[in-house]
Amino acid sequence: MIKDRIVRIKLRRNYAEQRPMNYVGKVTAFGDAWVAMEATGLLLARHQPNNVQIDAHRGAALIPRDNIESIMLLPDDFDVKNIQITTEGQQIQIEVPGAANVYIGEMGEG
């Protein structure tokens, strides 16, 4: 499956005021009800210069699969310690060298 792969996981929003949350990192385990990963959290936040608040440190994350909106595979050589953010129109994206950028949200959502 996706064990030992680097991914971006976008979480569902359960209510309109909830800020979009994403995780980027390496999947350490994948089960029927959850995904475990060593990840960096990315939270859309209007008050940040690039509209995204990126966790300073990576950590363990256990994410219920029911809370996942989408999973995007990233290249195996993606540098999770140096995540770069870009915008294209209203979309906020993670820059992926040598591949298509990965969508994480829209401006104004945070």
PDB file of N, CA and C in Angstrom:
ATOM      1  N   MET A   1       0.821  -1.192   0.000  1.00  0.00           N
ATOM      2  CA  MET A   1       0.000   0.000   0.000  1.00  0.00           C
ATOM      3  C   MET A   1       0.871   1.266   0.000  1.00  0.00           C
ATOM      4  N   ILE A   2       0.696   2.100   1.035  1.00  0.00           N
ATOM      5  CA  ILE A   2       1.468   3.345   1.075  1.00  0.00           C
ATOM      6  C   ILE A   2       2.494   3.360   2.200  1.00  0.00           C
ATOM      7  N   LYS A   3       2.688   2.237   2.875  1.00  0.00           N
ATOM      8  CA  LYS A   3       3.678   2.164   3.949  1.00  0.00           C
ATOM      9  C   LYS A   3       5.058   2.483   3.377  1.00  0.00           C
ATOM     10  N   ASP A   4       5.831   3.268   4.098  1.00  0.00           N
ATOM     11  CA  ASP A   4       7.177   3.701   3.724  1.00  0.00           C
ATOM     12  C   ASP A   4       7.200   4.666   2.547  1.00  0.00           C
ATOM     13  N   ARG A   5       6.066   5.242   2.192  1.00  0.00           N
ATOM     14  CA  ARG A   5       6.005   6.249   1.134  1.00  0.00           C
ATOM     15  C   ARG A   5       5.841   7.622   1.767  1.00  0.00           C
ATOM     16  N   ILE A   6       6.278   8.654   1.058  1.00  0.00           N
ATOM     17  CA  ILE A   6       6.088  10.024   1.500  1.00  0.00           C
ATOM     18  C   ILE A   6       4.787  10.529   0.880  1.00  0.00           C
ATOM     19  N   VAL A   7       3.912  11.078   1.723  1.00  0.00           N
ATOM     20  CA  VAL A   7       2.590  11.496   1.272  1.00  0.00           C
ATOM     21  C   VAL A   7       2.208  12.852   1.855  1.00  0.00           C
ATOM     22  N   ARG A   8       1.182  13.447   1.233  1.00  0.00           N
ATOM     23  CA  ARG A   8       0.475  14.594   1.800  1.00  0.00           C
ATOM     24  C   ARG A   8      -0.925  14.082   2.107  1.00  0.00           C
ATOM     25  N   ILE A   9      -1.349  14.218   3.361  1.00  0.00           N
ATOM     26  CA  ILE A   9      -2.699  13.832   3.757  1.00  0.00           C
ATOM     27  C   ILE A   9      -3.465  15.101   4.103  1.00  0.00           C
ATOM     28  N   LYS A  10      -4.593  15.302   3.422  1.00  0.00           N
ATOM     29  CA  LYS A  10      -5.465  16.438   3.690  1.00  0.00           C
ATOM     30  C   LYS A  10      -6.646  15.932   4.513  1.00  0.00           C
ATOM     31  N   LEU A  11      -6.892  16.588   5.655  1.00  0.00           N
ATOM     32  CA  LEU A  11      -7.977  16.183   6.538  1.00  0.00           C
ATOM     33  C   LEU A  11      -9.295  16.832   6.123  1.00  0.00           C
ATOM     34  N   ARG A  12     -10.394  16.130   6.432  1.00  0.00           N
ATOM     35  CA  ARG A  12     -11.737  16.663   6.195  1.00  0.00           C
ATOM     36  C   ARG A  12     -11.994  17.843   7.120  1.00  0.00           C
ATOM     37  N   ARG A  13     -12.835  18.727   6.642  1.00  0.00           N
ATOM     38  CA  ARG A  13     -13.331  19.818   7.485  1.00  0.00           C
ATOM     39  C   ARG A  13     -14.722  19.437   7.920  1.00  0.00           C
ATOM     40  N   ASN A  14     -14.977  19.442   9.222  1.00  0.00           N
ATOM     41  CA  ASN A  14     -16.269  19.024   9.758  1.00  0.00           C
ATOM     42  C   ASN A  14     -17.257  20.175   9.925  1.00  0.00           C
ATOM     43  N   TYR A  15     -16.756  21.413   9.854  1.00  0.00           N
ATOM     44  CA  TYR A  15     -17.629  22.578   9.947  1.00  0.00           C
ATOM     45  C   TYR A  15     -16.948  23.733   9.218  1.00  0.00           C
ATOM     46  N   ALA A  16     -17.706  24.708   8.809  1.00  0.00           N
ATOM     47  CA  ALA A  16     -17.212  25.776   7.928  1.00  0.00           C
ATOM     48  C   ALA A  16     -16.062  26.581   8.529  1.00  0.00           C
ATOM     49  N   GLU A  17     -16.069  26.784   9.834  1.00  0.00           N
ATOM     50  CA  GLU A  17     -15.044  27.619  10.470  1.00  0.00           C
ATOM     51  C   GLU A  17     -13.730  26.871  10.715  1.00  0.00           C
ATOM     52  N   GLN A  18     -13.722  25.568  10.555  1.00  0.00           N
ATOM     53  CA  GLN A  18     -12.520  24.770  10.804  1.00  0.00           C
ATOM     54  C   GLN A  18     -11.458  25.087   9.754  1.00  0.00           C
ATOM     55  N   ARG A  19     -10.229  25.332  10.209  1.00  0.00           N
ATOM     56  CA  ARG A  19      -9.151  25.633   9.271  1.00  0.00           C
ATOM     57  C   ARG A  19      -8.613  24.350   8.648  1.00  0.00           C
ATOM     58  N   PRO A  20      -8.321  24.375   7.358  1.00  0.00           N
ATOM     59  CA  PRO A  20      -7.806  23.181   6.682  1.00  0.00           C
ATOM     60  C   PRO A  20      -6.457  22.748   7.250  1.00  0.00           C
ATOM     61  N   MET A  21      -6.313  21.447   7.470  1.00  0.00           N
ATOM     62  CA  MET A  21      -5.106  20.852   8.043  1.00  0.00           C
ATOM     63  C   MET A  21      -4.577  19.782   7.097  1.00  0.00           C
ATOM     64  N   ASN A  22      -3.255  19.759   6.914  1.00  0.00           N
ATOM     65  CA  ASN A  22      -2.578  18.765   6.089  1.00  0.00           C
ATOM     66  C   ASN A  22      -1.392  18.219   6.871  1.00  0.00           C
ATOM     67  N   TYR A  23      -0.994  17.005   6.548  1.00  0.00           N
ATOM     68  CA  TYR A  23       0.226  16.416   7.082  1.00  0.00           C
ATOM     69  C   TYR A  23       1.088  15.981   5.912  1.00  0.00           C
ATOM     70  N   VAL A  24       2.397  16.200   6.025  1.00  0.00           N
ATOM     71  CA  VAL A  24       3.356  15.757   5.017  1.00  0.00           C
ATOM     72  C   VAL A  24       4.421  14.955   5.738  1.00  0.00           C
ATOM     73  N   GLY A  25       4.652  13.730   5.270  1.00  0.00           N
ATOM     74  CA  GLY A  25       5.680  12.910   5.895  1.00  0.00           C
ATOM     75  C   GLY A  25       5.653  11.489   5.392  1.00  0.00           C
ATOM     76  N   LYS A  26       6.375  10.642   6.106  1.00  0.00           N
ATOM     77  CA  LYS A  26       6.528   9.238   5.723  1.00  0.00           C
ATOM     78  C   LYS A  26       5.550   8.371   6.513  1.00  0.00           C
ATOM     79  N   VAL A  27       4.808   7.534   5.796  1.00  0.00           N
ATOM     80  CA  VAL A  27       3.852   6.628   6.423  1.00  0.00           C
ATOM     81  C   VAL A  27       4.630   5.481   7.077  1.00  0.00           C
ATOM     82  N   THR A  28       4.397   5.275   8.373  1.00  0.00           N
ATOM     83  CA  THR A  28       5.085   4.202   9.097  1.00  0.00           C
ATOM     84  C   THR A  28       4.208   2.966   9.259  1.00  0.00           C
ATOM     85  N   ALA A  29       2.875   3.146   9.211  1.00  0.00           N
ATOM     86  CA  ALA A  29       1.929   2.019   9.287  1.00  0.00           C
ATOM     87  C   ALA A  29       0.619   2.453   8.675  1.00  0.00           C
ATOM     88  N   PHE A  30      -0.087   1.475   8.109  1.00  0.00           N
ATOM     89  CA  PHE A  30      -1.345   1.750   7.420  1.00  0.00           C
ATOM     90  C   PHE A  30      -2.313   0.632   7.768  1.00  0.00           C
ATOM     91  N   GLY A  31      -3.417   0.967   8.431  1.00  0.00           N
ATOM     92  CA  GLY A  31      -4.382  -0.053   8.827  1.00  0.00           C
ATOM     93  C   GLY A  31      -5.756   0.235   8.256  1.00  0.00           C
ATOM     94  N   ASP A  32      -6.722  -0.607   8.605  1.00  0.00           N
ATOM     95  CA  ASP A  32      -8.085  -0.433   8.111  1.00  0.00           C
ATOM     96  C   ASP A  32      -8.737   0.845   8.644  1.00  0.00           C
ATOM     97  N   ALA A  33      -8.350   1.273   9.833  1.00  0.00           N
ATOM     98  CA  ALA A  33      -9.013   2.411  10.459  1.00  0.00           C
ATOM     99  C   ALA A  33      -8.107   3.622  10.674  1.00  0.00           C
ATOM    100  N   TRP A  34      -6.813   3.504  10.401  1.00  0.00           N
ATOM    101  CA  TRP A  34      -5.893   4.602  10.711  1.00  0.00           C
ATOM    102  C   TRP A  34      -4.662   4.578   9.820  1.00  0.00           C
ATOM    103  N   VAL A  35      -3.958   5.716   9.814  1.00  0.00           N
ATOM    104  CA  VAL A  35      -2.667   5.865   9.145  1.00  0.00           C
ATOM    105  C   VAL A  35      -1.720   6.461  10.177  1.00  0.00           C
ATOM    106  N   ALA A  36      -0.586   5.818  10.380  1.00  0.00           N
ATOM    107  CA  ALA A  36       0.442   6.347  11.279  1.00  0.00           C
ATOM    108  C   ALA A  36       1.581   6.894  10.418  1.00  0.00           C
ATOM    109  N   MET A  37       2.106   8.040  10.820  1.00  0.00           N
ATOM    110  CA  MET A  37       3.188   8.624  10.029  1.00  0.00           C
ATOM    111  C   MET A  37       4.082   9.506  10.888  1.00  0.00           C
ATOM    112  N   GLU A  38       5.289   9.707  10.409  1.00  0.00           N
ATOM    113  CA  GLU A  38       6.227  10.675  10.963  1.00  0.00           C
ATOM    114  C   GLU A  38       6.042  11.911  10.093  1.00  0.00           C
ATOM    115  N   ALA A  39       5.412  12.962  10.643  1.00  0.00           N
ATOM    116  CA  ALA A  39       4.918  14.022   9.776  1.00  0.00           C
ATOM    117  C   ALA A  39       5.125  15.422  10.326  1.00  0.00           C
ATOM    118  N   THR A  40       4.991  16.367   9.407  1.00  0.00           N
ATOM    119  CA  THR A  40       4.957  17.784   9.701  1.00  0.00           C
ATOM    120  C   THR A  40       3.544  18.262   9.412  1.00  0.00           C
ATOM    121  N   GLY A  41       2.963  19.018  10.326  1.00  0.00           N
ATOM    122  CA  GLY A  41       1.624  19.551  10.126  1.00  0.00           C
ATOM    123  C   GLY A  41       1.657  20.886   9.406  1.00  0.00           C
ATOM    124  N   LEU A  42       0.699  21.091   8.512  1.00  0.00           N
ATOM    125  CA  LEU A  42       0.535  22.352   7.800  1.00  0.00           C
ATOM    126  C   LEU A  42      -0.895  22.818   8.005  1.00  0.00           C
ATOM    127  N   LEU A  43      -1.057  24.008   8.544  1.00  0.00           N
ATOM    128  CA  LEU A  43      -2.368  24.557   8.848  1.00  0.00           C
ATOM    129  C   LEU A  43      -2.542  25.851   8.067  1.00  0.00           C
ATOM    130  N   LEU A  44      -3.614  25.973   7.288  1.00  0.00           N
ATOM    131  CA  LEU A  44      -3.868  27.217   6.578  1.00  0.00           C
ATOM    132  C   LEU A  44      -4.223  28.288   7.591  1.00  0.00           C
ATOM    133  N   ALA A  45      -3.540  29.428   7.496  1.00  0.00           N
ATOM    134  CA  ALA A  45      -3.715  30.502   8.471  1.00  0.00           C
ATOM    135  C   ALA A  45      -3.490  31.843   7.776  1.00  0.00           C
ATOM    136  N   ARG A  46      -4.511  32.665   7.743  1.00  0.00           N
ATOM    137  CA  ARG A  46      -4.431  33.957   7.045  1.00  0.00           C
ATOM    138  C   ARG A  46      -3.354  34.879   7.610  1.00  0.00           C
ATOM    139  N   HIS A  47      -3.062  34.763   8.882  1.00  0.00           N
ATOM    140  CA  HIS A  47      -2.117  35.679   9.521  1.00  0.00           C
ATOM    141  C   HIS A  47      -0.655  35.363   9.207  1.00  0.00           C
ATOM    142  N   GLN A  48      -0.382  34.276   8.512  1.00  0.00           N
ATOM    143  CA  GLN A  48       0.987  33.921   8.137  1.00  0.00           C
ATOM    144  C   GLN A  48       1.327  34.559   6.786  1.00  0.00           C
ATOM    145  N   PRO A  49       2.598  34.916   6.567  1.00  0.00           N
ATOM    146  CA  PRO A  49       2.980  35.569   5.312  1.00  0.00           C
ATOM    147  C   PRO A  49       2.634  34.750   4.057  1.00  0.00           C
ATOM    148  N   ASN A  50       2.779  33.433   4.102  1.00  0.00           N
ATOM    149  CA  ASN A  50       2.475  32.606   2.934  1.00  0.00           C
ATOM    150  C   ASN A  50       1.141  31.871   3.097  1.00  0.00           C
ATOM    151  N   ASN A  51       0.333  32.295   4.066  1.00  0.00           N
ATOM    152  CA  ASN A  51      -0.987  31.721   4.362  1.00  0.00           C
ATOM    153  C   ASN A  51      -0.933  30.310   4.940  1.00  0.00           C
ATOM    154  N   VAL A  52       0.244  29.825   5.320  1.00  0.00           N
ATOM    155  CA  VAL A  52       0.375  28.474   5.865  1.00  0.00           C
ATOM    156  C   VAL A  52       1.282  28.506   7.086  1.00  0.00           C
ATOM    157  N   GLN A  53       0.815  27.886   8.169  1.00  0.00           N
ATOM    158  CA  GLN A  53       1.629  27.712   9.367  1.00  0.00           C
ATOM    159  C   GLN A  53       2.199  26.300   9.313  1.00  0.00           C
ATOM    160  N   ILE A  54       3.531  26.176   9.289  1.00  0.00           N
ATOM    161  CA  ILE A  54       4.195  24.881   9.194  1.00  0.00           C
ATOM    162  C   ILE A  54       4.820  24.557  10.542  1.00  0.00           C
ATOM    163  N   ASP A  55       4.518  23.366  11.073  1.00  0.00           N
ATOM    164  CA  ASP A  55       5.103  22.955  12.351  1.00  0.00           C
ATOM    165  C   ASP A  55       6.628  23.032  12.284  1.00  0.00           C
ATOM    166  N   ALA A  56       7.234  23.481  13.359  1.00  0.00           N
ATOM    167  CA  ALA A  56       8.689  23.604  13.409  1.00  0.00           C
ATOM    168  C   ALA A  56       9.375  22.244  13.487  1.00  0.00           C
ATOM    169  N   HIS A  57       8.705  21.247  14.061  1.00  0.00           N
ATOM    170  CA  HIS A  57       9.301  19.922  14.233  1.00  0.00           C
ATOM    171  C   HIS A  57       8.357  18.844  13.719  1.00  0.00           C
ATOM    172  N   ARG A  58       8.946  17.790  13.190  1.00  0.00           N
ATOM    173  CA  ARG A  58       8.144  16.635  12.778  1.00  0.00           C
ATOM    174  C   ARG A  58       7.850  15.800  14.011  1.00  0.00           C
ATOM    175  N   GLY A  59       6.755  15.067  13.940  1.00  0.00           N
ATOM    176  CA  GLY A  59       6.384  14.208  15.051  1.00  0.00           C
ATOM    177  C   GLY A  59       5.503  13.070  14.582  1.00  0.00           C
ATOM    178  N   ALA A  60       5.215  12.162  15.490  1.00  0.00           N
ATOM    179  CA  ALA A  60       4.349  11.037  15.170  1.00  0.00           C
ATOM    180  C   ALA A  60       2.901  11.522  15.087  1.00  0.00           C
ATOM    181  N   ALA A  61       2.201  11.042  14.079  1.00  0.00           N
ATOM    182  CA  ALA A  61       0.781  11.379  13.913  1.00  0.00           C
ATOM    183  C   ALA A  61       0.017  10.096  13.633  1.00  0.00           C
ATOM    184  N   LEU A  62      -1.093   9.911  14.323  1.00  0.00           N
ATOM    185  CA  LEU A  62      -1.979   8.780  14.096  1.00  0.00           C
ATOM    186  C   LEU A  62      -3.308   9.373  13.627  1.00  0.00           C
ATOM    187  N   ILE A  63      -3.637   9.149  12.356  1.00  0.00           N
ATOM    188  CA  ILE A  63      -4.766   9.817  11.731  1.00  0.00           C
ATOM    189  C   ILE A  63      -5.867   8.807  11.423  1.00  0.00           C
ATOM    190  N   PRO A  64      -7.069   8.993  11.975  1.00  0.00           N
ATOM    191  CA  PRO A  64      -8.180   8.100  11.633  1.00  0.00           C
ATOM    192  C   PRO A  64      -8.518   8.234  10.146  1.00  0.00           C
ATOM    193  N   ARG A  65      -8.697   7.116   9.471  1.00  0.00           N
ATOM    194  CA  ARG A  65      -8.989   7.167   8.033  1.00  0.00           C
ATOM    195  C   ARG A  65     -10.308   7.858   7.736  1.00  0.00           C
ATOM    196  N   ASP A  66     -11.249   7.838   8.666  1.00  0.00           N
ATOM    197  CA  ASP A  66     -12.515   8.537   8.465  1.00  0.00           C
ATOM    198  C   ASP A  66     -12.326  10.056   8.383  1.00  0.00           C
ATOM    199  N   ASN A  67     -11.215  10.570   8.914  1.00  0.00           N
ATOM    200  CA  ASN A  67     -10.949  12.010   8.895  1.00  0.00           C
ATOM    201  C   ASN A  67     -10.169  12.456   7.666  1.00  0.00           C
ATOM    202  N   ILE A  68      -9.791  11.530   6.798  1.00  0.00           N
ATOM    203  CA  ILE A  68      -8.950  11.858   5.639  1.00  0.00           C
ATOM    204  C   ILE A  68      -9.821  12.211   4.441  1.00  0.00           C
ATOM    205  N   GLU A  69      -9.562  13.396   3.873  1.00  0.00           N
ATOM    206  CA  GLU A  69     -10.244  13.809   2.643  1.00  0.00           C
ATOM    207  C   GLU A  69      -9.516  13.245   1.426  1.00  0.00           C
ATOM    208  N   SER A  70      -8.163  13.360   1.425  1.00  0.00           N
ATOM    209  CA  SER A  70      -7.394  12.847   0.288  1.00  0.00           C
ATOM    210  C   SER A  70      -5.961  12.558   0.703  1.00  0.00           C
ATOM    211  N   ILE A  71      -5.333  11.667  -0.078  1.00  0.00           N
ATOM    212  CA  ILE A  71      -3.923  11.325   0.109  1.00  0.00           C
ATOM    213  C   ILE A  71      -3.231  11.491  -1.234  1.00  0.00           C
ATOM    214  N   MET A  72      -2.118  12.212  -1.241  1.00  0.00           N
ATOM    215  CA  MET A  72      -1.353  12.417  -2.464  1.00  0.00           C
ATOM    216  C   MET A  72       0.048  11.873  -2.256  1.00  0.00           C
ATOM    217  N   LEU A  73       0.489  10.975  -3.131  1.00  0.00           N
ATOM    218  CA  LEU A  73       1.849  10.444  -3.052  1.00  0.00           C
ATOM    219  C   LEU A  73       2.830  11.505  -3.533  1.00  0.00           C
ATOM    220  N   LEU A  74       3.936  11.627  -2.823  1.00  0.00           N
ATOM    221  CA  LEU A  74       5.014  12.537  -3.205  1.00  0.00           C
ATOM    222  C   LEU A  74       6.215  11.700  -3.624  1.00  0.00           C
ATOM    223  N   PRO A  75       7.146  12.293  -4.374  1.00  0.00           N
ATOM    224  CA  PRO A  75       8.338  11.536  -4.772  1.00  0.00           C
ATOM    225  C   PRO A  75       9.115  11.048  -3.550  1.00  0.00           C
ATOM    226  N   ASP A  76       9.763   9.897  -3.688  1.00  0.00           N
ATOM    227  CA  ASP A  76      10.531   9.323  -2.574  1.00  0.00           C
ATOM    228  C   ASP A  76      11.671  10.220  -2.116  1.00  0.00           C
ATOM    229  N   ASP A  77      12.149  11.111  -2.990  1.00  0.00           N
ATOM    230  CA  ASP A  77      13.257  12.001  -2.621  1.00  0.00           C
ATOM    231  C   ASP A  77      12.762  13.382  -2.168  1.00  0.00           C
ATOM    232  N   PHE A  78      11.454  13.523  -1.898  1.00  0.00           N
ATOM    233  CA  PHE A  78      10.911  14.803  -1.437  1.00  0.00           C
ATOM    234  C   PHE A  78      11.506  15.150  -0.083  1.00  0.00           C
ATOM    235  N   ASP A  79      11.980  16.391   0.068  1.00  0.00           N
ATOM    236  CA  ASP A  79      12.626  16.850   1.297  1.00  0.00           C
ATOM    237  C   ASP A  79      11.571  17.344   2.292  1.00  0.00           C
ATOM    238  N   VAL A  80      11.150  16.465   3.207  1.00  0.00           N
ATOM    239  CA  VAL A  80      10.107  16.829   4.172  1.00  0.00           C
ATOM    240  C   VAL A  80      10.614  17.812   5.233  1.00  0.00           C
ATOM    241  N   LYS A  81      11.914  18.008   5.315  1.00  0.00           N
ATOM    242  CA  LYS A  81      12.477  18.959   6.281  1.00  0.00           C
ATOM    243  C   LYS A  81      12.524  20.375   5.728  1.00  0.00           C
ATOM    244  N   ASN A  82      12.279  20.514   4.423  1.00  0.00           N
ATOM    245  CA  ASN A  82      12.371  21.822   3.773  1.00  0.00           C
ATOM    246  C   ASN A  82      11.160  22.018   2.851  1.00  0.00           C
ATOM    247  N   ILE A  83       9.972  22.105   3.424  1.00  0.00           N
ATOM    248  CA  ILE A  83       8.745  22.243   2.653  1.00  0.00           C
ATOM    249  C   ILE A  83       8.617  23.688   2.177  1.00  0.00           C
ATOM    250  N   GLN A  84       8.448  23.851   0.869  1.00  0.00           N
ATOM    251  CA  GLN A  84       8.293  25.175   0.262  1.00  0.00           C
ATOM    252  C   GLN A  84       6.863  25.331  -0.229  1.00  0.00           C
ATOM    253  N   ILE A  85       6.274  26.495   0.046  1.00  0.00           N
ATOM    254  CA  ILE A  85       4.893  26.782  -0.320  1.00  0.00           C
ATOM    255  C   ILE A  85       4.874  27.789  -1.471  1.00  0.00           C
ATOM    256  N   THR A  86       3.936  27.594  -2.393  1.00  0.00           N
ATOM    257  CA  THR A  86       3.749  28.512  -3.511  1.00  0.00           C
ATOM    258  C   THR A  86       2.254  28.721  -3.719  1.00  0.00           C
ATOM    259  N   THR A  87       1.908  29.729  -4.505  1.00  0.00           N
ATOM    260  CA  THR A  87       0.509  29.948  -4.853  1.00  0.00           C
ATOM    261  C   THR A  87       0.367  29.955  -6.367  1.00  0.00           C
ATOM    262  N   GLU A  88      -0.780  29.479  -6.812  1.00  0.00           N
ATOM    263  CA  GLU A  88      -1.133  29.519  -8.232  1.00  0.00           C
ATOM    264  C   GLU A  88      -2.581  29.971  -8.284  1.00  0.00           C
ATOM    265  N   GLY A  89      -2.780  31.221  -8.661  1.00  0.00           N
ATOM    266  CA  GLY A  89      -4.121  31.793  -8.565  1.00  0.00           C
ATOM    267  C   GLY A  89      -4.517  31.866  -7.102  1.00  0.00           C
ATOM    268  N   GLN A  90      -5.640  31.262  -6.734  1.00  0.00           N
ATOM    269  CA  GLN A  90      -6.106  31.222  -5.353  1.00  0.00           C
ATOM    270  C   GLN A  90      -5.645  29.973  -4.609  1.00  0.00           C
ATOM    271  N   GLN A  91      -5.008  29.032  -5.323  1.00  0.00           N
ATOM    272  CA  GLN A  91      -4.597  27.779  -4.706  1.00  0.00           C
ATOM    273  C   GLN A  91      -3.258  27.906  -3.994  1.00  0.00           C
ATOM    274  N   ILE A  92      -3.183  27.318  -2.803  1.00  0.00           N
ATOM    275  CA  ILE A  92      -1.937  27.225  -2.057  1.00  0.00           C
ATOM    276  C   ILE A  92      -1.417  25.811  -2.270  1.00  0.00           C
ATOM    277  N   GLN A  93      -0.143  25.700  -2.651  1.00  0.00           N
ATOM    278  CA  GLN A  93       0.418  24.407  -3.028  1.00  0.00           C
ATOM    279  C   GLN A  93       1.792  24.198  -2.410  1.00  0.00           C
ATOM    280  N   ILE A  94       2.155  22.923  -2.256  1.00  0.00           N
ATOM    281  CA  ILE A  94       3.505  22.546  -1.856  1.00  0.00           C
ATOM    282  C   ILE A  94       4.318  22.405  -3.138  1.00  0.00           C
ATOM    283  N   GLU A  95       5.486  23.046  -3.186  1.00  0.00           N
ATOM    284  CA  GLU A  95       6.369  22.914  -4.348  1.00  0.00           C
ATOM    285  C   GLU A  95       7.016  21.539  -4.333  1.00  0.00           C
ATOM    286  N   VAL A  96       6.922  20.835  -5.458  1.00  0.00           N
ATOM    287  CA  VAL A  96       7.521  19.513  -5.603  1.00  0.00           C
ATOM    288  C   VAL A  96       8.480  19.575  -6.788  1.00  0.00           C
ATOM    289  N   PRO A  97       9.796  19.639  -6.533  1.00  0.00           N
ATOM    290  CA  PRO A  97      10.767  19.716  -7.624  1.00  0.00           C
ATOM    291  C   PRO A  97      10.664  18.504  -8.563  1.00  0.00           C
ATOM    292  N   GLY A  98      10.589  18.774  -9.857  1.00  0.00           N
ATOM    293  CA  GLY A  98      10.551  17.708 -10.849  1.00  0.00           C
ATOM    294  C   GLY A  98       9.210  17.025 -10.994  1.00  0.00           C
ATOM    295  N   ALA A  99       8.171  17.536 -10.339  1.00  0.00           N
ATOM    296  CA  ALA A  99       6.833  16.934 -10.433  1.00  0.00           C
ATOM    297  C   ALA A  99       5.787  18.041 -10.261  1.00  0.00           C
ATOM    298  N   ALA A 100       4.520  17.668 -10.393  1.00  0.00           N
ATOM    299  CA  ALA A 100       3.444  18.639 -10.222  1.00  0.00           C
ATOM    300  C   ALA A 100       3.344  19.069  -8.762  1.00  0.00           C
ATOM    301  N   ASN A 101       3.066  20.346  -8.551  1.00  0.00           N
ATOM    302  CA  ASN A 101       2.871  20.842  -7.196  1.00  0.00           C
ATOM    303  C   ASN A 101       1.633  20.190  -6.582  1.00  0.00           C
ATOM    304  N   VAL A 102       1.581  20.152  -5.234  1.00  0.00           N
ATOM    305  CA  VAL A 102       0.508  19.463  -4.518  1.00  0.00           C
ATOM    306  C   VAL A 102      -0.379  20.486  -3.816  1.00  0.00           C
ATOM    307  N   TYR A 103      -1.660  20.429  -4.122  1.00  0.00           N
ATOM    308  CA  TYR A 103      -2.672  21.330  -3.566  1.00  0.00           C
ATOM    309  C   TYR A 103      -2.872  21.063  -2.072  1.00  0.00           C
ATOM    310  N   ILE A 104      -2.916  22.162  -1.276  1.00  0.00           N
ATOM    311  CA  ILE A 104      -3.227  21.998   0.148  1.00  0.00           C
ATOM    312  C   ILE A 104      -4.426  22.839   0.586  1.00  0.00           C
ATOM    313  N   GLY A 105      -4.833  23.818  -0.214  1.00  0.00           N
ATOM    314  CA  GLY A 105      -5.991  24.610   0.158  1.00  0.00           C
ATOM    315  C   GLY A 105      -6.132  25.860  -0.691  1.00  0.00           C
ATOM    316  N   GLU A 106      -7.116  26.673  -0.332  1.00  0.00           N
ATOM    317  CA  GLU A 106      -7.415  27.930  -1.048  1.00  0.00           C
ATOM    318  C   GLU A 106      -7.122  29.118  -0.138  1.00  0.00           C
ATOM    319  N   MET A 107      -6.690  30.222  -0.742  1.00  0.00           N
ATOM    320  CA  MET A 107      -6.500  31.444   0.021  1.00  0.00           C
ATOM    321  C   MET A 107      -7.824  31.853   0.648  1.00  0.00           C
ATOM    322  N   GLY A 108      -7.773  32.337   1.857  1.00  0.00           N
ATOM    323  CA  GLY A 108      -8.977  32.770   2.546  1.00  0.00           C
ATOM    324  C   GLY A 108      -9.666  31.677   3.350  1.00  0.00           C
ATOM    325  N   GLU A 109      -9.220  30.415   3.217  1.00  0.00           N
ATOM    326  CA  GLU A 109      -9.830  29.333   3.990  1.00  0.00           C
ATOM    327  C   GLU A 109      -9.371  29.336   5.440  1.00  0.00           C
ATOM    328  N   GLY A 110      -8.158  29.824   5.698  1.00  0.00           N
ATOM    329  CA  GLY A 110      -7.581  29.747   7.033  1.00  0.00           C
ATOM    330  C   GLY A 110      -8.109  30.790   7.876  1.00  0.00           C
TER     331      GLY A 110
END
